[in-house]
Protein backbone atom coordinates (compact mmCIF):
# COMPACT_ATOMS: atom_id res chain seq x y z
CA MET A 1 7.92 -27.98 -21.49
CA ASP A 2 8.20 -27.39 -17.73
CA ASN A 3 10.45 -24.36 -18.36
CA TYR A 4 7.99 -22.63 -20.69
CA ASP A 5 4.53 -21.11 -20.56
CA LYS A 6 2.88 -22.12 -23.82
CA GLY A 7 1.07 -19.37 -25.68
CA VAL A 8 -0.99 -19.13 -28.85
CA LEU A 9 -0.80 -21.52 -31.78
CA LEU A 10 1.12 -19.92 -34.64
CA GLY A 11 0.66 -22.63 -37.22
CA ARG A 12 -0.04 -26.30 -37.79
CA GLY A 13 1.13 -28.72 -40.49
CA THR A 14 1.15 -32.44 -41.18
CA PHE A 15 4.18 -33.19 -39.02
CA ALA A 16 4.41 -30.26 -36.61
CA SER A 17 2.73 -27.39 -34.82
CA VAL A 18 4.32 -24.06 -33.87
CA PHE A 19 3.49 -22.23 -30.64
CA LYS A 20 4.51 -18.96 -29.08
CA ALA A 21 5.99 -19.54 -25.61
CA THR A 22 7.70 -17.67 -22.77
CA HIS A 23 10.61 -19.00 -20.71
CA LYS A 24 9.47 -18.98 -17.07
CA GLU A 25 12.78 -17.86 -15.57
CA THR A 26 14.13 -15.41 -18.14
CA GLY A 27 10.88 -14.13 -19.65
CA LYS A 28 12.35 -14.64 -23.13
CA VAL A 29 9.67 -15.09 -25.81
CA VAL A 30 10.38 -17.95 -28.22
CA ALA A 31 8.70 -20.03 -30.90
CA ILE A 32 8.45 -23.78 -30.20
CA LYS A 33 8.00 -26.19 -33.07
CA LYS A 34 6.48 -29.43 -31.73
CA ILE A 35 7.32 -32.30 -34.10
CA ASP A 36 5.34 -35.53 -34.18
CA VAL A 37 7.53 -38.60 -33.70
CA GLY A 38 6.92 -42.00 -35.28
CA GLY A 39 6.64 -45.23 -33.31
CA SER A 40 9.62 -46.84 -31.62
CA LYS A 41 10.79 -48.33 -34.91
CA GLU A 42 10.30 -45.29 -37.13
CA GLY A 43 11.64 -42.59 -34.79
CA ILE A 44 11.66 -38.93 -35.75
CA ASN A 45 10.88 -38.06 -39.37
CA VAL A 46 14.13 -37.84 -41.36
CA THR A 47 13.27 -34.40 -42.73
CA SER A 48 12.93 -33.08 -39.17
CA LEU A 49 16.36 -34.49 -38.37
CA ARG A 50 17.70 -32.70 -41.42
CA GLU A 51 16.10 -29.39 -40.44
CA ILE A 52 17.51 -29.56 -36.91
CA LYS A 53 20.99 -30.48 -38.12
CA LEU A 54 21.09 -27.70 -40.71
CA LEU A 55 19.88 -25.04 -38.29
CA ARG A 56 22.55 -26.09 -35.79
CA GLU A 57 25.25 -25.74 -38.44
CA ILE A 58 24.22 -22.44 -40.04
CA LYS A 59 25.24 -19.57 -37.79
CA SER A 60 24.08 -16.36 -39.41
CA PRO A 61 22.54 -13.12 -38.11
CA TYR A 62 20.03 -13.46 -40.96
CA VAL A 63 18.91 -17.06 -40.31
CA VAL A 64 16.52 -17.96 -37.48
CA GLU A 65 18.45 -19.39 -34.53
CA LEU A 66 17.73 -22.82 -33.06
CA LEU A 67 18.06 -22.33 -29.30
CA ASP A 68 17.33 -25.82 -27.96
CA VAL A 69 15.93 -29.26 -28.77
CA PHE A 70 14.20 -31.43 -26.17
CA PRO A 71 11.65 -34.25 -25.91
CA HIS A 72 8.27 -33.87 -24.22
CA LYS A 73 5.62 -36.58 -24.15
CA ARG A 74 5.14 -37.67 -27.78
CA LYS A 75 6.95 -34.76 -29.39
CA VAL A 76 10.41 -33.45 -30.15
CA ASN A 77 10.46 -29.71 -29.52
CA MET A 78 12.57 -27.20 -31.42
CA VAL A 79 12.97 -23.90 -29.55
CA MET A 80 13.67 -21.01 -31.91
CA GLU A 81 13.94 -17.26 -31.60
CA PHE A 82 10.65 -15.42 -32.04
CA LEU A 83 9.95 -12.44 -34.30
CA ASP A 84 6.70 -10.50 -34.38
CA SER A 85 5.83 -10.61 -38.06
CA ASP A 86 6.94 -11.57 -41.56
CA LEU A 87 7.68 -9.88 -44.85
CA GLU A 88 4.42 -11.00 -46.45
CA ALA A 89 2.42 -9.12 -43.79
CA LEU A 90 4.49 -6.00 -44.42
CA ILE A 91 4.05 -6.21 -48.19
CA LYS A 92 0.27 -6.53 -47.75
CA ALA A 93 0.00 -3.71 -45.18
CA LYS A 94 -1.90 -0.99 -47.01
CA GLY A 95 -0.92 1.77 -44.59
CA VAL A 96 2.83 1.11 -44.80
CA LEU A 97 5.02 2.84 -47.39
CA LEU A 98 8.01 0.89 -48.71
CA SER A 99 10.64 3.26 -50.08
CA PRO A 100 13.34 2.22 -52.59
CA SER A 101 15.80 2.25 -49.67
CA ASP A 102 13.56 -0.09 -47.67
CA VAL A 103 13.28 -2.54 -50.58
CA LYS A 104 17.05 -2.43 -50.97
CA ALA A 105 17.56 -3.18 -47.26
CA TYR A 106 15.26 -6.19 -47.27
CA MET A 107 16.84 -7.60 -50.43
CA GLN A 108 20.30 -7.11 -48.99
CA MET A 109 19.38 -9.05 -45.84
CA LEU A 110 17.69 -11.82 -47.83
CA LEU A 111 20.71 -12.26 -50.06
CA LYS A 112 23.04 -12.27 -47.04
CA ALA A 113 20.91 -15.05 -45.53
CA LEU A 114 21.10 -17.07 -48.74
CA ALA A 115 24.83 -16.41 -49.10
CA ASP A 116 25.36 -17.84 -45.60
CA CYS A 117 23.19 -20.88 -46.41
CA HIS A 118 24.95 -21.53 -49.71
CA ALA A 119 28.37 -21.13 -48.05
CA HIS A 120 27.35 -24.16 -45.96
CA TRP A 121 26.13 -25.96 -49.13
CA VAL A 122 22.51 -25.69 -48.00
CA LEU A 123 19.62 -25.01 -50.38
CA HIS A 124 16.63 -23.46 -48.63
CA ARG A 125 14.09 -24.52 -51.30
CA ASP A 126 11.17 -22.60 -49.76
CA VAL A 127 12.09 -18.93 -50.18
CA LYS A 128 8.94 -16.79 -49.98
CA PRO A 129 7.89 -13.68 -48.05
CA ASN A 130 6.11 -15.42 -45.17
CA ASN A 131 9.27 -17.45 -44.43
CA MET A 132 11.16 -14.18 -43.88
CA LEU A 133 10.55 -13.19 -40.28
CA ILE A 134 10.89 -9.54 -39.32
CA SER A 135 10.43 -7.55 -36.14
CA ARG A 136 9.75 -3.98 -35.19
CA ASP A 137 13.43 -3.37 -34.36
CA GLY A 138 14.39 -4.15 -37.98
CA SER A 139 15.60 -7.72 -37.45
CA PHE A 140 15.32 -10.08 -40.42
CA LYS A 141 15.57 -13.88 -40.22
CA LEU A 142 15.12 -16.50 -42.92
CA ALA A 143 13.07 -19.34 -41.39
CA ASP A 144 11.38 -22.69 -42.10
CA PHE A 145 14.11 -25.07 -43.23
CA GLY A 146 11.72 -28.01 -43.56
CA LEU A 147 12.50 -28.32 -47.29
CA ALA A 148 16.21 -27.45 -47.02
CA ARG A 149 18.78 -29.87 -48.36
CA ILE A 150 22.55 -30.22 -48.68
CA TYR A 151 23.64 -29.89 -52.31
CA GLY A 152 26.79 -30.11 -54.39
CA SER A 153 27.05 -33.81 -55.30
CA PRO A 154 27.07 -33.99 -59.12
CA ASP A 155 25.24 -37.35 -59.21
CA ARG A 156 22.58 -36.61 -56.62
CA GLN A 157 18.97 -36.54 -57.79
CA LEU A 158 16.68 -34.09 -55.98
CA THR A 159 12.93 -33.65 -56.19
CA PRO A 160 11.62 -30.75 -58.31
CA GLN A 161 8.55 -30.56 -56.06
CA VAL A 162 9.84 -27.76 -53.83
CA PHE A 163 8.97 -24.09 -53.23
CA ALA A 164 5.52 -22.57 -53.34
CA ARG A 165 4.49 -22.48 -57.00
CA TRP A 166 4.75 -18.68 -57.43
CA TYR A 167 8.44 -18.82 -56.44
CA ARG A 168 9.40 -22.05 -58.26
CA ALA A 169 12.07 -21.73 -60.92
CA PRO A 170 11.18 -22.81 -64.49
CA GLU A 171 13.71 -25.66 -64.52
CA LEU A 172 11.85 -27.18 -61.55
CA LEU A 173 8.52 -26.79 -63.34
CA PHE A 174 10.10 -28.68 -66.25
CA GLY A 175 11.06 -31.50 -63.87
CA SER A 176 14.79 -30.93 -63.32
CA GLN A 177 16.24 -33.19 -60.63
CA SER A 178 19.75 -31.76 -60.84
CA TYR A 179 20.03 -28.19 -59.60
CA GLY A 180 21.91 -25.88 -57.28
CA ALA A 181 21.76 -22.50 -55.57
CA SER A 182 20.23 -20.81 -58.63
CA ILE A 183 16.78 -22.06 -57.60
CA ASP A 184 16.98 -20.00 -54.39
CA ILE A 185 18.16 -16.99 -56.41
CA TRP A 186 15.14 -17.28 -58.74
CA ALA A 187 12.80 -17.28 -55.73
CA ALA A 188 14.63 -14.31 -54.22
CA GLY A 189 14.13 -12.49 -57.54
CA CYS A 190 10.39 -13.17 -57.30
CA VAL A 191 10.42 -11.71 -53.78
CA PHE A 192 12.31 -8.68 -55.14
CA ALA A 193 9.58 -8.19 -57.72
CA GLU A 194 6.90 -8.57 -55.04
CA LEU A 195 8.52 -5.87 -52.93
CA LEU A 196 8.51 -3.53 -55.92
CA LEU A 197 4.91 -4.29 -56.91
CA ARG A 198 3.43 -4.88 -53.42
CA LYS A 199 1.75 -7.99 -54.81
CA PRO A 200 2.87 -11.39 -56.18
CA TRP A 201 4.51 -11.05 -59.59
CA LEU A 202 3.77 -14.47 -61.13
CA PRO A 203 0.68 -15.95 -59.42
CA GLY A 204 0.09 -19.09 -61.50
CA MET A 205 -2.95 -21.27 -60.80
CA THR A 206 -1.35 -24.52 -62.03
CA ASP A 207 2.21 -25.50 -62.93
CA ILE A 208 1.50 -25.08 -66.65
CA ASP A 209 -0.13 -21.72 -65.96
CA GLN A 210 2.92 -20.78 -63.88
CA LEU A 211 5.22 -21.49 -66.83
CA GLY A 212 2.94 -19.45 -69.05
CA LYS A 213 3.11 -16.45 -66.71
CA ILE A 214 6.90 -16.74 -66.49
CA PHE A 215 7.26 -16.76 -70.28
CA GLN A 216 4.80 -13.88 -70.70
CA ALA A 217 6.95 -11.83 -68.33
CA LEU A 218 10.39 -12.94 -69.53
CA GLY A 219 9.96 -14.45 -72.99
CA THR A 220 9.83 -18.00 -74.29
CA PRO A 221 12.91 -20.20 -73.78
CA THR A 222 15.02 -20.93 -76.85
CA LYS A 223 18.28 -22.73 -77.58
CA ASP A 224 20.00 -19.35 -77.44
CA ASN A 225 18.67 -17.97 -74.15
CA TRP A 226 18.48 -21.35 -72.38
CA PRO A 227 20.74 -24.03 -73.89
CA GLY A 228 19.64 -27.55 -72.98
CA VAL A 229 16.08 -26.66 -71.94
CA GLU A 230 14.62 -29.21 -74.37
CA ALA A 231 16.41 -32.03 -72.54
CA LEU A 232 14.60 -31.42 -69.25
CA PRO A 233 12.33 -34.33 -68.22
CA ASN A 234 8.98 -32.54 -68.41
CA TYR A 235 9.82 -30.03 -71.13
CA VAL A 236 6.93 -28.96 -73.34
CA PRO A 237 7.22 -26.27 -76.02
CA PHE A 238 5.30 -23.02 -75.65
CA GLN A 239 4.13 -20.63 -78.31
CA PRO A 240 6.75 -17.86 -78.80
CA VAL A 241 5.81 -14.67 -76.99
CA THR A 242 7.40 -11.24 -76.85
CA PRO A 243 7.49 -10.14 -73.20
CA LEU A 244 6.63 -6.69 -71.93
CA PRO A 245 9.90 -4.90 -71.00
CA LEU A 246 10.68 -4.95 -67.29
CA ARG A 247 10.67 -1.15 -67.36
CA GLN A 248 6.94 -1.28 -68.17
CA GLN A 249 6.26 -4.04 -65.67
CA PHE A 250 8.03 -2.09 -62.90
CA PRO A 251 7.64 1.58 -63.87
CA GLY A 252 8.82 2.93 -60.52
CA ALA A 253 12.01 0.89 -60.21
CA ALA A 254 15.52 2.24 -60.74
CA ASP A 255 17.55 1.02 -63.71
CA ASP A 256 20.11 -0.79 -61.53
CA ALA A 257 17.27 -2.53 -59.63
CA LEU A 258 15.82 -3.82 -62.90
CA GLU A 259 19.24 -4.95 -64.11
CA LEU A 260 19.76 -7.01 -60.95
CA LEU A 261 16.23 -8.39 -61.11
CA ALA A 262 16.72 -9.45 -64.74
CA ARG A 263 19.87 -11.36 -63.80
CA MET A 264 18.23 -13.09 -60.83
CA VAL A 265 15.30 -14.32 -62.92
CA ALA A 266 17.26 -15.33 -66.01
CA LEU A 267 15.57 -18.35 -67.60
CA ASP A 268 18.88 -20.18 -67.87
CA PRO A 269 19.90 -21.08 -64.28
CA ASN A 270 23.57 -20.92 -65.28
CA ARG A 271 23.19 -17.20 -66.01
CA ARG A 272 21.84 -16.27 -62.58
CA PRO A 273 24.33 -14.77 -60.11
CA SER A 274 25.22 -16.37 -56.82
CA ALA A 275 23.95 -14.63 -53.70
CA ALA A 276 27.46 -13.29 -53.05
CA GLU A 277 27.70 -11.96 -56.62
CA ALA A 278 24.27 -10.34 -56.34
CA LEU A 279 25.37 -8.55 -53.17
CA ARG A 280 28.27 -7.00 -55.13
CA HIS A 281 25.91 -5.59 -57.76
CA PRO A 282 26.03 -1.77 -58.13
CA TYR A 283 22.40 -1.64 -57.02
CA PHE A 284 23.46 -2.01 -53.37
CA SER A 285 26.20 0.65 -53.51
CA SER A 286 24.29 3.28 -55.49
CA ALA A 287 22.04 5.97 -54.03
CA PRO A 288 19.82 5.79 -52.13
CA PRO A 289 21.58 3.54 -49.60
CA PRO A 290 19.73 0.71 -47.84
CA THR A 291 17.65 1.85 -44.89
CA PRO A 292 19.33 1.06 -41.53
CA PRO A 293 17.44 -1.75 -39.76
CA GLU A 294 16.24 0.44 -36.90
CA ARG A 295 14.64 2.85 -39.39
CA LEU A 296 12.78 0.27 -41.46
CA PRO A 297 8.94 0.45 -41.52
CA LYS A 298 7.25 -1.09 -38.51
CA PRO A 299 5.49 -4.30 -39.58
CA PRO A 300 1.92 -5.02 -38.47
CA LEU A 301 2.12 -6.29 -34.89
CA ARG A 302 -0.33 -9.13 -34.34
CA GLU A 303 -0.42 -9.89 -30.65
CA ASP A 304 -2.79 -12.84 -30.85
CA ASN A 305 -1.32 -14.62 -33.87
CA PRO A 306 1.91 -12.88 -34.91
CA LEU A 307 2.86 -15.16 -37.79
CA ALA A 308 -0.42 -16.00 -39.45
CA GLY A 309 -2.50 -12.84 -38.95
CA PRO A 310 -6.14 -12.67 -37.93
CA ALA A 311 -7.61 -13.36 -41.39
CA ALA A 312 -4.92 -15.59 -42.84
CA PRO A 313 -4.78 -19.40 -42.80
CA ALA A 314 -2.52 -21.10 -40.31
CA LEU A 315 1.17 -21.20 -41.11
CA LYS A 316 1.93 -24.28 -43.20
CA VAL A 317 4.76 -26.41 -41.83
CA SER A 318 5.84 -28.06 -45.03
CA ARG A 319 7.74 -31.27 -45.62
CA PRO A 320 9.41 -32.80 -48.66
CA PRO A 321 8.75 -36.40 -49.71
CA PRO A 322 10.23 -38.99 -47.30
CA ALA A 323 13.74 -40.34 -47.86
CA GLY A 324 13.81 -42.66 -50.81
CA GLY A 325 10.56 -41.17 -52.02
CA GLU A 326 11.78 -38.61 -54.55
CA VAL A 327 9.13 -38.03 -57.17
CA PRO A 328 10.17 -39.60 -60.50
CA SER A 329 10.05 -37.43 -63.62
CA SER A 330 8.34 -38.33 -66.88
CA LYS A 331 7.49 -36.36 -69.98
CA ARG A 332 3.96 -37.66 -69.62
CA ALA A 333 3.70 -37.07 -65.90
CA LYS A 334 1.30 -34.45 -64.68
CA LEU A 335 3.08 -31.54 -63.04
CA ALA A 336 1.91 -31.66 -59.46
CA GLY A 337 2.33 -29.94 -56.10
CA THR A 338 4.56 -30.97 -53.21
CA PRO A 339 3.50 -34.37 -51.84
CA VAL A 340 2.65 -34.47 -48.17
CA GLY A 341 2.99 -37.56 -46.04
CA ALA A 342 0.79 -38.63 -43.16
CA ALA A 343 1.81 -38.26 -39.53
CA ALA A 344 2.51 -41.51 -37.71
CA ALA A 345 1.69 -42.61 -34.18
CA ALA A 346 4.27 -41.52 -31.63
CA SER A 347 5.94 -42.85 -28.49
CA PRO A 348 7.65 -40.93 -25.66
CA ALA A 349 10.60 -43.34 -25.81
CA ALA A 350 11.18 -42.57 -29.49
CA ALA A 351 10.99 -38.85 -28.82
CA SER A 352 13.50 -39.07 -25.99
CA ALA A 353 15.91 -41.21 -28.01
CA ALA A 354 15.67 -38.91 -31.03
CA ALA A 355 16.30 -35.77 -29.01
CA ALA A 356 19.24 -37.37 -27.24
CA ALA A 357 20.79 -38.24 -30.58
CA LEU A 358 20.31 -34.70 -31.83
CA ARG A 359 22.21 -33.21 -28.93
CA ALA A 360 25.41 -34.78 -30.16
CA ALA A 361 27.44 -32.19 -32.01
CA GLY A 362 28.46 -34.61 -34.70
CA THR A 363 25.00 -35.69 -35.79
CA ALA A 364 25.31 -37.39 -39.17
CA SER A 365 23.43 -35.99 -42.12
CA PRO A 366 20.20 -37.92 -42.81
CA ALA A 367 20.09 -39.84 -46.04
CA GLY A 368 18.08 -38.58 -48.98
């Protein structure tokens, strides 16, 4: 940390804290994620290894850039580019008007970020507005890859306990452990809806309540609109419901916007488009065109706590279950939130060894 002047705390989680910092020589403002390291035997948490490796591999103008990794005392430090605000703050800003062109621009950048992730076979698994960093010059970066995972192996079992509940796809709520990029597309559709409404679309209080809100908005799953749904591990039948048409739920949206939204939040994950397919939808080529980045609305600038905001809770640095600890599914199991592990004691030697290993370009992918 000798090269940086540490600034305000941006957020704190179980395994890491995020600080604003300034490079002493260049004056460049960055965000530093300080990760707790286990004892000499445990080393750095495997999910942190995975996050670092994935960020080093994904080179995209729409994904937050990892600038450096280094050890300091009992921490491994990830130095990342810093942006002033996030999309959640903009959505909540009462004095800011979001035009149809602005919504189109943000959705285009989000889908480009996901397309780049999926091209590298990476699932983000935590798509939500406050993980979409934005700045006053119009920059957009998808951030927080703590839940990200490589996908594509047909036999690999993955935990369904990912995403914040309001952005979690119905197959995950039903306990699916075999899924792909369509879960990120569902979450992006929920963000699309939130941009149109200026508030969360499906704010469930529990997982069962979340399913109920999804089916009220989109209809109850059947063998016709979602083949195979009854075979999911935690499937429970719901009373049939006739949903309110999307036109009535989003009265100000254009027809092509609603058509794209309907495809992105299809109940059957096999019917959702890929990010690349969504970008080719007529919505993005029809009038009005997306707002150029430099002309997008200026997000609220929070000098003291740019990511969390003065009245908001600290940014959560989330983690999936540890390797080998995927949550088993059962029809009788209670649908629960993402499990969080406990931080372990750390040693400077472990931090130094972990960071040295990470600097190798060919770092192997962590198991799990």
